[in-house]
């Protein structure tokens, strides 16, 4: 049975994300942007959404920890010490957002003892809130959802970004040769779309923990798998803005087995 502590946080998290959707839509394609130290884009809307969501949740749960890509007070690793913590990406797909391309999302994850237990993702392009976690079910707007159960084939749709490190170009070529590809510009949406059955799977070499923390519990709740290729990422022990990029695959069991096999054949 879900604890009252979890249920109250889930309700508050959904309300906090919903409260920022009007701002997200109003400034879409209009917000000015700057570039950060890591080469990623940021807008005043990213900052405003971060501040508003953290303020709303911290006022109710002052003992929780709050980690946002945009609000960290230091670029040094921060230990995760609280029972409950939150990982926020106020706009995943900021490049898209600033340019008026609709594939972007607000992404909020609730972690218990460092492990993601619930994800809340607002999809600007579809105007839909996706949310769920293991033991809670999975929702795509008003409908219950799940990972696709069909086995992979040449018609399967994969979310995929070309690797940041071109040393993985052989893996990229293999993926493109075996599946149909969708590169949306939002790693959050790639994983969330796997969870709710829009995409068959996803492969990524480029993400940080805030890009996927909310999508992981969605995928698990939908009956899918998330497999990390460069070491387990959860439980999260440190929040580090300068963390190394995460490599992972996701989909149903058969899809993950097929992806593991294809990637292993490249020898990378």
Protein backbone atom coordinates (compact mmCIF):
# COMPACT_ATOMS: atom_id res chain seq x y z
CA UNK A 1 0.00 0.00 0.00
CA UNK A 2 1.28 3.46 -0.88
CA UNK A 3 2.27 5.59 2.08
CA UNK A 4 0.54 8.91 2.80
CA UNK A 5 3.97 10.55 2.47
CA UNK A 6 4.28 9.34 -1.11
CA UNK A 7 0.70 10.09 -2.11
CA UNK A 8 0.81 13.64 -0.80
CA UNK A 9 4.02 14.30 -2.72
CA UNK A 10 2.66 12.81 -5.93
CA UNK A 11 -0.42 15.05 -5.78
CA UNK A 12 1.68 18.09 -4.98
CA UNK A 13 4.14 17.32 -7.77
CA UNK A 14 1.40 17.03 -10.39
CA UNK A 15 -0.17 20.29 -9.21
CA UNK A 16 3.20 22.07 -9.28
CA UNK A 17 3.91 20.97 -12.86
CA UNK A 18 0.40 21.83 -14.04
CA UNK A 19 0.74 25.29 -12.55
CA UNK A 20 3.59 26.09 -14.97
CA UNK A 21 2.00 24.93 -18.21
CA UNK A 22 0.42 28.29 -18.99
CA UNK A 23 3.80 30.02 -18.82
CA UNK A 24 5.38 27.24 -20.87
CA UNK A 25 2.87 27.70 -23.68
CA UNK A 26 2.78 31.49 -23.53
CA UNK A 27 6.52 31.93 -24.07
CA UNK A 28 6.95 29.04 -26.52
CA UNK A 29 9.14 30.12 -29.42
CA UNK A 30 9.47 33.63 -27.96
CA UNK A 31 11.84 33.32 -25.02
CA UNK A 32 15.36 34.69 -25.41
CA UNK A 33 18.12 32.25 -24.60
CA UNK A 34 21.76 32.07 -23.51
CA UNK A 35 24.38 29.35 -23.50
CA UNK A 36 25.73 27.71 -20.34
CA UNK A 37 29.21 26.41 -19.53
CA UNK A 38 28.35 22.94 -20.86
CA UNK A 39 27.14 24.19 -24.24
CA UNK A 40 23.44 23.76 -23.49
CA UNK A 41 20.82 26.46 -23.93
CA UNK A 42 18.85 28.11 -21.13
CA UNK A 43 15.98 30.63 -21.18
CA UNK A 44 14.37 32.79 -18.49
CA UNK A 45 11.42 30.38 -18.66
CA UNK A 46 13.66 27.51 -17.52
CA UNK A 47 14.65 29.57 -14.49
CA UNK A 48 11.11 30.75 -13.73
CA UNK A 49 9.65 27.24 -13.89
CA UNK A 50 12.45 25.87 -11.70
CA UNK A 51 11.94 28.56 -9.08
CA UNK A 52 8.16 28.18 -9.03
CA UNK A 53 8.11 24.39 -8.75
CA UNK A 54 10.83 24.24 -6.11
CA UNK A 55 9.13 26.99 -4.10
CA UNK A 56 5.74 25.23 -4.23
CA UNK A 57 7.12 21.87 -3.16
CA UNK A 58 9.68 23.06 -0.60
CA UNK A 59 6.99 25.04 1.23
CA UNK A 60 5.05 21.81 1.76
CA UNK A 61 7.99 19.45 2.23
CA UNK A 62 10.83 21.44 3.79
CA UNK A 63 12.78 18.31 4.69
CA UNK A 64 13.05 17.14 1.08
CA UNK A 65 15.96 17.86 -1.21
CA UNK A 66 15.45 19.62 -4.54
CA UNK A 67 17.77 19.26 -7.50
CA UNK A 68 17.26 21.25 -10.68
CA UNK A 69 19.51 21.54 -13.69
CA UNK A 70 19.02 25.31 -13.50
CA UNK A 71 19.02 26.11 -9.77
CA UNK A 72 22.06 24.35 -8.32
CA UNK A 73 23.93 26.66 -5.94
CA UNK A 74 27.24 24.98 -6.75
CA UNK A 75 28.71 22.99 -9.60
CA UNK A 76 30.26 20.59 -7.07
CA UNK A 77 28.56 17.23 -6.40
CA UNK A 78 25.81 17.41 -3.77
CA UNK A 79 25.15 14.30 -1.63
CA UNK A 80 21.60 12.95 -1.70
CA UNK A 81 20.83 12.51 1.98
CA UNK A 82 17.06 13.02 2.42
CA UNK A 83 14.57 10.18 2.25
CA UNK A 84 12.63 12.08 -0.42
CA UNK A 85 14.27 14.14 -3.13
CA UNK A 86 13.17 15.67 -6.40
CA UNK A 87 14.99 15.95 -9.72
CA UNK A 88 13.66 18.64 -12.05
CA UNK A 89 14.34 19.54 -15.65
CA UNK A 90 12.15 22.62 -16.18
CA UNK A 91 12.33 22.36 -19.97
CA UNK A 92 13.84 19.30 -21.55
CA UNK A 93 14.36 20.25 -25.18
CA UNK A 94 15.24 23.91 -24.59
CA UNK A 95 16.75 24.17 -28.08
CA UNK A 96 13.39 23.15 -29.51
CA UNK A 97 11.51 25.43 -27.16
CA UNK A 98 13.52 28.52 -28.05
CA UNK A 99 13.19 27.79 -31.78
CA UNK A 100 9.45 27.10 -31.72
CA UNK A 101 9.71 23.32 -32.18
CA UNK A 102 7.07 21.70 -30.02
CA UNK A 103 8.90 18.59 -28.77
CA UNK A 104 9.78 19.69 -25.24
CA UNK A 105 8.62 18.90 -21.73
CA UNK A 106 8.61 19.74 -18.05
CA UNK A 107 10.12 16.76 -16.25
CA UNK A 108 9.84 16.14 -12.49
CA UNK A 109 10.93 12.98 -10.68
CA UNK A 110 10.24 11.99 -7.08
CA UNK A 111 12.96 9.82 -5.56
CA UNK A 112 12.81 7.81 -2.34
CA UNK A 113 16.21 6.93 -0.89
CA UNK A 114 17.74 7.90 -4.23
CA UNK A 115 15.54 5.70 -6.43
CA UNK A 116 12.90 7.20 -8.76
CA UNK A 117 9.45 6.13 -7.59
CA UNK A 118 7.22 8.49 -9.58
CA UNK A 119 7.59 10.56 -12.73
CA UNK A 120 5.58 13.58 -13.89
CA UNK A 121 6.15 14.81 -17.45
CA UNK A 122 4.17 17.50 -19.24
CA UNK A 123 4.35 17.09 -23.01
CA UNK A 124 3.97 20.52 -24.62
CA UNK A 125 3.46 19.12 -28.13
CA UNK A 126 0.44 17.00 -27.14
CA UNK A 127 -0.69 19.10 -24.15
CA UNK A 128 -0.72 15.93 -22.07
CA UNK A 129 0.54 15.06 -18.59
CA UNK A 130 2.20 11.66 -18.42
CA UNK A 131 2.70 10.34 -14.92
CA UNK A 132 3.17 7.12 -12.97
CA UNK A 133 5.51 4.80 -11.16
CA UNK A 134 5.92 1.15 -10.16
CA UNK A 135 2.91 0.11 -8.09
CA UNK A 136 0.98 3.26 -9.05
CA UNK A 137 0.16 2.57 -12.68
CA UNK A 138 0.92 4.70 -15.71
CA UNK A 139 -1.21 7.44 -17.24
CA UNK A 140 -0.98 9.24 -20.55
CA UNK A 141 -3.41 12.06 -19.93
CA UNK A 142 -6.69 10.36 -18.98
CA UNK A 143 -5.86 6.93 -20.39
CA UNK A 144 -3.99 4.09 -18.78
CA UNK A 145 -0.90 3.25 -20.80
CA UNK A 146 1.83 0.65 -21.11
CA UNK A 147 4.97 -0.19 -23.05
CA UNK A 148 4.35 -1.84 -26.44
CA UNK A 149 4.54 -5.62 -26.21
CA UNK A 150 5.26 -6.43 -29.86
CA UNK A 151 8.67 -7.90 -30.71
CA UNK A 152 11.15 -5.63 -32.50
CA UNK A 153 11.42 -5.63 -36.29
CA UNK A 154 12.58 -3.33 -39.08
CA UNK A 155 9.42 -1.22 -38.70
CA UNK A 156 9.94 -0.53 -35.00
CA UNK A 157 10.24 3.16 -34.13
CA UNK A 158 13.22 4.12 -31.97
CA UNK A 159 13.94 7.40 -30.25
CA UNK A 160 17.57 8.15 -31.01
CA UNK A 161 20.03 11.05 -30.88
CA UNK A 162 23.34 10.76 -32.67
CA UNK A 163 26.07 10.19 -30.03
CA UNK A 164 27.86 13.21 -28.59
CA UNK A 165 31.04 11.11 -28.67
CA UNK A 166 31.66 10.11 -32.27
CA UNK A 167 33.55 7.07 -31.02
CA UNK A 168 30.08 5.50 -30.93
CA UNK A 169 29.41 6.16 -34.60
CA UNK A 170 29.43 2.43 -35.40
CA UNK A 171 26.63 1.89 -32.89
CA UNK A 172 24.71 4.78 -34.40
CA UNK A 173 25.04 3.29 -37.87
CA UNK A 174 23.82 -0.09 -36.62
CA UNK A 175 20.75 1.45 -35.00
CA UNK A 176 19.85 3.44 -38.10
CA UNK A 177 20.28 0.39 -40.34
CA UNK A 178 17.94 -1.79 -38.25
CA UNK A 179 15.08 0.47 -37.16
CA UNK A 180 13.05 3.50 -38.09
CA UNK A 181 14.39 6.51 -36.20
CA UNK A 182 12.75 9.48 -34.52
CA UNK A 183 15.06 12.17 -33.14
CA UNK A 184 12.77 14.55 -31.26
CA UNK A 185 15.38 16.71 -29.54
CA UNK A 186 14.06 15.70 -26.10
CA UNK A 187 15.53 12.69 -24.31
CA UNK A 188 12.76 12.96 -21.74
CA UNK A 189 10.11 12.49 -24.41
CA UNK A 190 11.97 9.60 -26.05
CA UNK A 191 11.84 7.62 -22.80
CA UNK A 192 8.33 8.76 -21.86
CA UNK A 193 7.04 7.82 -25.32
CA UNK A 194 8.48 4.33 -24.86
CA UNK A 195 6.64 4.12 -21.54
CA UNK A 196 3.23 5.03 -23.00
CA UNK A 197 3.61 2.96 -26.17
CA UNK A 198 4.25 5.67 -28.78
CA UNK A 199 7.82 4.51 -29.49
CA UNK A 200 9.02 0.91 -29.43
CA UNK A 201 12.35 1.70 -27.80
CA UNK A 202 15.10 4.23 -27.35
CA UNK A 203 18.90 4.34 -27.31
CA UNK A 204 20.84 7.28 -25.96
CA UNK A 205 24.48 8.07 -25.28
CA UNK A 206 24.08 11.71 -24.31
CA UNK A 207 21.80 12.14 -21.30
CA UNK A 208 22.29 13.41 -17.76
CA UNK A 209 20.26 12.21 -14.79
CA UNK A 210 17.74 15.09 -14.96
CA UNK A 211 16.89 14.10 -18.55
CA UNK A 212 15.64 10.65 -17.60
CA UNK A 213 14.86 10.56 -13.86
CA UNK A 214 11.13 11.07 -14.46
CA UNK A 215 10.99 8.74 -17.46
CA UNK A 216 12.53 5.75 -15.68
CA UNK A 217 9.60 5.14 -13.26
CA UNK A 218 7.15 5.71 -16.12
CA UNK A 219 8.83 3.03 -18.21
CA UNK A 220 8.98 0.57 -15.33
CA UNK A 221 5.33 1.22 -14.47
CA UNK A 222 4.41 0.50 -18.09
CA UNK A 223 6.06 -2.91 -17.99
CA UNK A 224 9.27 -1.89 -19.74
CA UNK A 225 12.95 -2.05 -18.99
CA UNK A 226 15.66 0.60 -18.69
CA UNK A 227 19.19 -0.78 -18.94
CA UNK A 228 22.25 1.38 -18.33
CA UNK A 229 25.28 0.64 -20.48
CA UNK A 230 27.88 2.49 -18.41
CA UNK A 231 26.96 1.61 -14.85
CA UNK A 232 23.85 1.83 -12.68
CA UNK A 233 22.60 5.37 -12.13
CA UNK A 234 20.20 4.67 -9.27
CA UNK A 235 20.01 4.91 -6.34
CA UNK A 236 21.28 8.44 -6.92
CA UNK A 237 23.94 9.25 -4.33
CA UNK A 238 25.27 12.52 -5.75
CA UNK A 239 23.67 15.24 -7.83
CA UNK A 240 26.42 16.52 -10.08
CA UNK A 241 25.96 19.13 -12.80
CA UNK A 242 29.26 17.99 -14.32
CA UNK A 243 28.41 14.29 -14.28
CA UNK A 244 29.46 12.06 -17.15
CA UNK A 245 26.93 11.36 -19.86
CA UNK A 246 24.64 8.37 -19.34
CA UNK A 247 24.25 5.63 -21.94
CA UNK A 248 21.14 3.47 -21.85
CA UNK A 249 18.57 1.45 -23.78
CA UNK A 250 14.86 1.05 -23.04
CA UNK A 251 11.87 -0.87 -24.34
CA UNK A 252 10.15 -4.17 -23.69
CA UNK A 253 12.28 -7.19 -22.79
CA UNK A 254 12.57 -8.39 -26.39
CA UNK A 255 13.54 -4.93 -27.65
CA UNK A 256 16.25 -4.55 -25.02
CA UNK A 257 17.64 -7.99 -25.86
CA UNK A 258 17.75 -7.06 -29.55
CA UNK A 259 19.45 -3.74 -28.81
CA UNK A 260 22.03 -5.37 -26.53
CA UNK A 261 22.87 -7.85 -29.26
CA UNK A 262 23.18 -5.23 -32.00
CA UNK A 263 25.31 -2.91 -29.91
CA UNK A 264 27.58 -5.76 -28.77
CA UNK A 265 28.28 -6.68 -32.38
CA UNK A 266 29.87 -3.28 -33.01
CA UNK A 267 32.60 -4.08 -30.49
CA UNK A 268 32.27 -0.64 -28.85
